[in-house]
Amino acid sequence: MQADFFKPLGKWTPMVSVAYKVKGDPGGVELDNVLFASVGAAYRFSAKTSFGAMVDYQEASVDGADNAQEMFVYWSQKVSSDWQFMLYGYAGFSDGSPDQGLGIQLSYRRQQ
């Protein structure tokens, strides 16, 4: 179950997410259910360009592991009415998170 809250305030949009994840127990592995929380904001430079950053926290799903704490940042550019390009990166602040990462995403959404 997840609840997302956001409120556009001019060019800024603050965001908060809170979730409770039921992991289940696949293949004899016992996983704990976990809490997840995220807080961040997006800034819209124009109708086509935006930037955002979020800080995420998630409890570990196995005993003895570290909780995940990381930051995610992105830059998004609409290429056309149907296509959008996003460049993103993240950095972990705990042993339960990846050290760092970069990625690109190309999205297509047909406009009616």
N, C-alpha and C. Protein backbone atom coordinates (compact mmCIF):
# COMPACT_ATOMS: atom_id res chain seq x y z
N MET A 1 0.85 -1.15 0.00
CA MET A 1 0.00 0.00 0.00
C MET A 1 0.90 1.22 0.00
N GLN A 2 0.56 2.20 -0.83
CA GLN A 2 1.38 3.40 -0.93
C GLN A 2 0.50 4.62 -1.08
N ALA A 3 0.90 5.70 -0.42
CA ALA A 3 0.22 6.99 -0.56
C ALA A 3 1.24 8.01 -1.03
N ASP A 4 0.88 8.74 -2.08
CA ASP A 4 1.74 9.78 -2.64
C ASP A 4 1.04 11.13 -2.47
N PHE A 5 1.79 12.11 -2.02
CA PHE A 5 1.25 13.45 -1.84
C PHE A 5 2.15 14.43 -2.59
N PHE A 6 1.54 15.31 -3.36
CA PHE A 6 2.28 16.35 -4.05
C PHE A 6 1.37 17.56 -4.24
N LYS A 7 1.98 18.73 -4.33
CA LYS A 7 1.22 19.96 -4.48
C LYS A 7 2.01 20.92 -5.35
N PRO A 8 1.57 21.13 -6.61
CA PRO A 8 2.25 22.13 -7.45
C PRO A 8 2.15 23.52 -6.83
N LEU A 9 3.28 24.18 -6.70
CA LEU A 9 3.35 25.54 -6.16
C LEU A 9 4.16 26.38 -7.14
N GLY A 10 3.51 26.87 -8.18
CA GLY A 10 4.22 27.57 -9.23
C GLY A 10 5.07 26.59 -10.00
N LYS A 11 6.36 26.87 -10.11
CA LYS A 11 7.27 25.98 -10.84
C LYS A 11 7.76 24.81 -9.98
N TRP A 12 7.54 24.87 -8.67
CA TRP A 12 7.98 23.82 -7.75
C TRP A 12 6.84 22.86 -7.44
N THR A 13 7.18 21.58 -7.26
CA THR A 13 6.21 20.59 -6.79
C THR A 13 6.87 19.73 -5.72
N PRO A 14 6.58 20.02 -4.43
CA PRO A 14 7.08 19.15 -3.38
C PRO A 14 6.31 17.82 -3.39
N MET A 15 7.01 16.73 -3.00
CA MET A 15 6.42 15.39 -3.03
C MET A 15 6.81 14.62 -1.78
N VAL A 16 5.87 13.79 -1.29
CA VAL A 16 6.12 12.88 -0.18
C VAL A 16 5.40 11.57 -0.51
N SER A 17 6.07 10.46 -0.28
CA SER A 17 5.46 9.14 -0.44
C SER A 17 5.72 8.33 0.82
N VAL A 18 4.71 7.56 1.22
CA VAL A 18 4.83 6.65 2.35
C VAL A 18 4.22 5.33 1.91
N ALA A 19 4.91 4.22 2.19
CA ALA A 19 4.41 2.92 1.75
C ALA A 19 4.70 1.85 2.79
N TYR A 20 3.88 0.81 2.75
CA TYR A 20 4.11 -0.41 3.51
C TYR A 20 4.12 -1.53 2.49
N LYS A 21 5.26 -2.21 2.35
CA LYS A 21 5.43 -3.24 1.32
C LYS A 21 5.38 -4.64 1.95
N VAL A 22 4.48 -5.47 1.43
CA VAL A 22 4.38 -6.85 1.87
C VAL A 22 5.23 -7.68 0.91
N LYS A 23 6.32 -8.20 1.39
CA LYS A 23 7.30 -8.88 0.54
C LYS A 23 6.96 -10.34 0.24
N GLY A 24 6.21 -11.00 1.11
CA GLY A 24 5.95 -12.43 0.90
C GLY A 24 7.16 -13.25 1.29
N ASP A 25 7.08 -14.55 1.07
CA ASP A 25 8.18 -15.46 1.42
C ASP A 25 8.45 -16.41 0.25
N PRO A 26 9.14 -15.94 -0.80
CA PRO A 26 9.38 -16.79 -1.97
C PRO A 26 10.42 -17.88 -1.69
N GLY A 27 10.16 -19.08 -2.17
CA GLY A 27 11.14 -20.16 -2.15
C GLY A 27 11.77 -20.46 -0.81
N GLY A 28 11.00 -20.39 0.28
CA GLY A 28 11.54 -20.72 1.58
C GLY A 28 12.37 -19.64 2.23
N VAL A 29 12.49 -18.47 1.60
CA VAL A 29 13.21 -17.35 2.19
C VAL A 29 12.21 -16.51 2.97
N GLU A 30 12.53 -16.19 4.20
CA GLU A 30 11.63 -15.39 5.01
C GLU A 30 12.00 -13.92 4.91
N LEU A 31 11.13 -13.14 4.30
CA LEU A 31 11.34 -11.70 4.14
C LEU A 31 10.41 -10.94 5.06
N ASP A 32 10.91 -9.85 5.62
CA ASP A 32 10.09 -8.98 6.46
C ASP A 32 9.34 -7.98 5.60
N ASN A 33 8.14 -7.62 6.01
CA ASN A 33 7.43 -6.50 5.41
C ASN A 33 8.16 -5.22 5.81
N VAL A 34 8.13 -4.19 4.96
CA VAL A 34 8.97 -3.01 5.22
C VAL A 34 8.19 -1.72 5.02
N LEU A 35 8.67 -0.70 5.71
CA LEU A 35 8.18 0.67 5.51
C LEU A 35 9.10 1.36 4.52
N PHE A 36 8.52 2.20 3.68
CA PHE A 36 9.25 2.99 2.70
C PHE A 36 8.77 4.43 2.82
N ALA A 37 9.68 5.37 2.71
CA ALA A 37 9.32 6.80 2.71
C ALA A 37 10.24 7.54 1.75
N SER A 38 9.68 8.54 1.11
CA SER A 38 10.43 9.35 0.16
C SER A 38 9.97 10.80 0.27
N VAL A 39 10.90 11.72 0.19
CA VAL A 39 10.58 13.14 0.19
C VAL A 39 11.45 13.82 -0.86
N GLY A 40 10.86 14.76 -1.58
CA GLY A 40 11.63 15.44 -2.63
C GLY A 40 10.83 16.55 -3.26
N ALA A 41 11.35 17.03 -4.37
CA ALA A 41 10.71 18.13 -5.10
C ALA A 41 11.13 18.08 -6.55
N ALA A 42 10.26 18.63 -7.39
CA ALA A 42 10.56 18.80 -8.81
C ALA A 42 10.45 20.28 -9.14
N TYR A 43 11.26 20.72 -10.10
CA TYR A 43 11.22 22.10 -10.57
C TYR A 43 11.01 22.09 -12.08
N ARG A 44 10.00 22.78 -12.56
CA ARG A 44 9.69 22.83 -13.99
C ARG A 44 10.29 24.11 -14.57
N PHE A 45 11.34 23.95 -15.39
CA PHE A 45 11.96 25.09 -16.05
C PHE A 45 11.07 25.64 -17.15
N SER A 46 10.37 24.73 -17.84
CA SER A 46 9.46 25.10 -18.93
C SER A 46 8.45 23.96 -19.09
N ALA A 47 7.57 24.09 -20.06
CA ALA A 47 6.59 23.01 -20.31
C ALA A 47 7.28 21.73 -20.77
N LYS A 48 8.54 21.83 -21.21
CA LYS A 48 9.25 20.66 -21.73
C LYS A 48 10.39 20.16 -20.85
N THR A 49 10.87 20.96 -19.91
CA THR A 49 12.07 20.62 -19.16
C THR A 49 11.82 20.70 -17.66
N SER A 50 12.21 19.62 -16.93
CA SER A 50 12.09 19.64 -15.48
C SER A 50 13.27 18.91 -14.84
N PHE A 51 13.46 19.19 -13.56
CA PHE A 51 14.52 18.61 -12.75
C PHE A 51 13.90 18.21 -11.42
N GLY A 52 14.37 17.12 -10.83
CA GLY A 52 13.84 16.72 -9.54
C GLY A 52 14.86 15.95 -8.72
N ALA A 53 14.60 15.88 -7.42
CA ALA A 53 15.45 15.13 -6.50
C ALA A 53 14.59 14.57 -5.38
N MET A 54 14.90 13.34 -4.97
CA MET A 54 14.20 12.68 -3.89
C MET A 54 15.20 11.97 -2.98
N VAL A 55 14.89 11.93 -1.71
CA VAL A 55 15.65 11.14 -0.74
C VAL A 55 14.73 10.03 -0.28
N ASP A 56 15.20 8.78 -0.39
CA ASP A 56 14.38 7.61 -0.08
C ASP A 56 14.95 6.85 1.12
N TYR A 57 14.04 6.23 1.87
CA TYR A 57 14.42 5.37 2.99
C TYR A 57 13.54 4.12 2.91
N GLN A 58 14.16 2.95 3.08
CA GLN A 58 13.39 1.70 3.13
C GLN A 58 14.02 0.77 4.14
N GLU A 59 13.19 0.19 4.98
CA GLU A 59 13.68 -0.79 5.95
C GLU A 59 14.22 -2.01 5.22
N ALA A 60 15.17 -2.69 5.83
CA ALA A 60 15.72 -3.93 5.28
C ALA A 60 14.66 -5.02 5.35
N SER A 61 14.64 -5.89 4.34
CA SER A 61 13.65 -6.97 4.32
C SER A 61 14.17 -8.28 4.94
N VAL A 62 15.44 -8.28 5.34
CA VAL A 62 15.99 -9.45 6.05
C VAL A 62 16.71 -8.97 7.31
N ASP A 63 16.62 -9.78 8.36
CA ASP A 63 17.28 -9.45 9.62
C ASP A 63 18.78 -9.37 9.42
N GLY A 64 19.41 -8.38 10.05
CA GLY A 64 20.85 -8.23 9.98
C GLY A 64 21.34 -7.37 8.82
N ALA A 65 20.47 -7.04 7.87
CA ALA A 65 20.86 -6.19 6.73
C ALA A 65 20.61 -4.73 7.09
N ASP A 66 21.32 -3.84 6.42
CA ASP A 66 21.14 -2.40 6.64
C ASP A 66 19.92 -1.88 5.87
N ASN A 67 19.28 -0.89 6.44
CA ASN A 67 18.20 -0.20 5.75
C ASN A 67 18.76 0.56 4.55
N ALA A 68 17.95 0.74 3.54
CA ALA A 68 18.38 1.47 2.34
C ALA A 68 18.12 2.96 2.53
N GLN A 69 19.12 3.77 2.22
CA GLN A 69 19.00 5.23 2.25
C GLN A 69 19.72 5.74 1.02
N GLU A 70 19.00 6.45 0.16
CA GLU A 70 19.61 6.91 -1.08
C GLU A 70 18.96 8.18 -1.60
N MET A 71 19.66 8.85 -2.51
CA MET A 71 19.16 10.04 -3.18
C MET A 71 19.06 9.75 -4.67
N PHE A 72 17.97 10.22 -5.26
CA PHE A 72 17.69 10.04 -6.69
C PHE A 72 17.49 11.43 -7.28
N VAL A 73 18.20 11.74 -8.38
CA VAL A 73 18.03 13.02 -9.08
C VAL A 73 17.77 12.73 -10.57
N TYR A 74 17.01 13.62 -11.20
CA TYR A 74 16.72 13.41 -12.62
C TYR A 74 16.57 14.74 -13.35
N TRP A 75 16.78 14.68 -14.64
CA TRP A 75 16.51 15.77 -15.57
C TRP A 75 15.66 15.17 -16.68
N SER A 76 14.53 15.79 -16.96
CA SER A 76 13.58 15.26 -17.94
C SER A 76 13.33 16.30 -19.03
N GLN A 77 13.31 15.83 -20.27
CA GLN A 77 13.11 16.71 -21.43
C GLN A 77 12.09 16.09 -22.37
N LYS A 78 11.00 16.81 -22.65
CA LYS A 78 10.07 16.36 -23.68
C LYS A 78 10.71 16.63 -25.03
N VAL A 79 10.81 15.60 -25.85
CA VAL A 79 11.42 15.71 -27.17
C VAL A 79 10.35 16.07 -28.20
N SER A 80 9.15 15.55 -27.99
CA SER A 80 7.99 15.87 -28.84
C SER A 80 6.74 15.66 -27.98
N SER A 81 5.58 15.77 -28.59
CA SER A 81 4.36 15.56 -27.80
C SER A 81 4.23 14.11 -27.34
N ASP A 82 4.89 13.16 -28.02
CA ASP A 82 4.81 11.74 -27.67
C ASP A 82 6.03 11.19 -26.94
N TRP A 83 7.19 11.81 -27.12
CA TRP A 83 8.45 11.25 -26.61
C TRP A 83 9.03 12.13 -25.49
N GLN A 84 9.60 11.44 -24.49
CA GLN A 84 10.26 12.12 -23.39
C GLN A 84 11.56 11.40 -23.06
N PHE A 85 12.60 12.15 -22.78
CA PHE A 85 13.93 11.64 -22.45
C PHE A 85 14.23 12.00 -21.00
N MET A 86 14.78 11.06 -20.24
CA MET A 86 15.16 11.34 -18.87
C MET A 86 16.56 10.80 -18.59
N LEU A 87 17.38 11.62 -17.96
CA LEU A 87 18.70 11.25 -17.47
C LEU A 87 18.61 11.27 -15.95
N TYR A 88 19.06 10.19 -15.30
CA TYR A 88 18.94 10.13 -13.84
C TYR A 88 20.19 9.54 -13.21
N GLY A 89 20.34 9.82 -11.94
CA GLY A 89 21.43 9.27 -11.17
C GLY A 89 21.00 9.07 -9.73
N TYR A 90 21.69 8.21 -9.03
CA TYR A 90 21.38 7.99 -7.62
C TYR A 90 22.67 7.67 -6.87
N ALA A 91 22.61 7.93 -5.57
CA ALA A 91 23.74 7.65 -4.69
C ALA A 91 23.20 7.06 -3.40
N GLY A 92 23.85 6.01 -2.92
CA GLY A 92 23.45 5.37 -1.67
C GLY A 92 24.23 5.92 -0.50
N PHE A 93 23.54 5.98 0.66
CA PHE A 93 24.16 6.50 1.88
C PHE A 93 24.31 5.43 2.95
N SER A 94 23.99 4.17 2.60
CA SER A 94 24.11 3.09 3.58
C SER A 94 24.56 1.83 2.86
N ASP A 95 24.98 0.83 3.64
CA ASP A 95 25.39 -0.44 3.03
C ASP A 95 24.22 -1.20 2.43
N GLY A 96 22.98 -0.81 2.77
CA GLY A 96 21.80 -1.43 2.21
C GLY A 96 21.37 -0.82 0.89
N SER A 97 22.15 0.10 0.35
CA SER A 97 21.84 0.79 -0.90
C SER A 97 22.98 0.60 -1.90
N PRO A 98 22.68 0.72 -3.20
CA PRO A 98 23.77 0.73 -4.19
C PRO A 98 24.67 1.95 -3.93
N ASP A 99 25.95 1.84 -4.28
CA ASP A 99 26.86 2.98 -4.08
C ASP A 99 26.45 4.16 -4.93
N GLN A 100 26.27 3.92 -6.24
CA GLN A 100 25.84 4.98 -7.16
C GLN A 100 25.37 4.35 -8.46
N GLY A 101 24.71 5.14 -9.26
CA GLY A 101 24.26 4.65 -10.54
C GLY A 101 23.81 5.78 -11.44
N LEU A 102 23.82 5.54 -12.73
CA LEU A 102 23.36 6.48 -13.74
C LEU A 102 22.47 5.73 -14.71
N GLY A 103 21.55 6.43 -15.33
CA GLY A 103 20.72 5.78 -16.32
C GLY A 103 20.06 6.78 -17.24
N ILE A 104 19.54 6.25 -18.33
CA ILE A 104 18.74 7.05 -19.25
C ILE A 104 17.45 6.30 -19.51
N GLN A 105 16.43 7.06 -19.79
CA GLN A 105 15.13 6.46 -20.08
C GLN A 105 14.48 7.24 -21.22
N LEU A 106 13.97 6.53 -22.19
CA LEU A 106 13.25 7.13 -23.30
C LEU A 106 11.83 6.59 -23.22
N SER A 107 10.85 7.48 -23.10
CA SER A 107 9.45 7.08 -22.93
C SER A 107 8.62 7.55 -24.11
N TYR A 108 7.68 6.70 -24.48
CA TYR A 108 6.73 7.04 -25.54
C TYR A 108 5.32 6.95 -24.98
N ARG A 109 4.58 8.01 -25.11
CA ARG A 109 3.18 8.04 -24.72
C ARG A 109 2.40 8.71 -25.82
N ARG A 110 1.60 7.90 -26.50
CA ARG A 110 0.84 8.41 -27.64
C ARG A 110 -0.21 9.40 -27.15
N GLN A 111 -0.18 10.59 -27.71
CA GLN A 111 -1.16 11.62 -27.39
C GLN A 111 -2.39 11.44 -28.27
N GLN A 112 -3.52 11.47 -27.69
CA GLN A 112 -4.78 11.28 -28.44
C GLN A 112 -5.30 12.58 -28.99
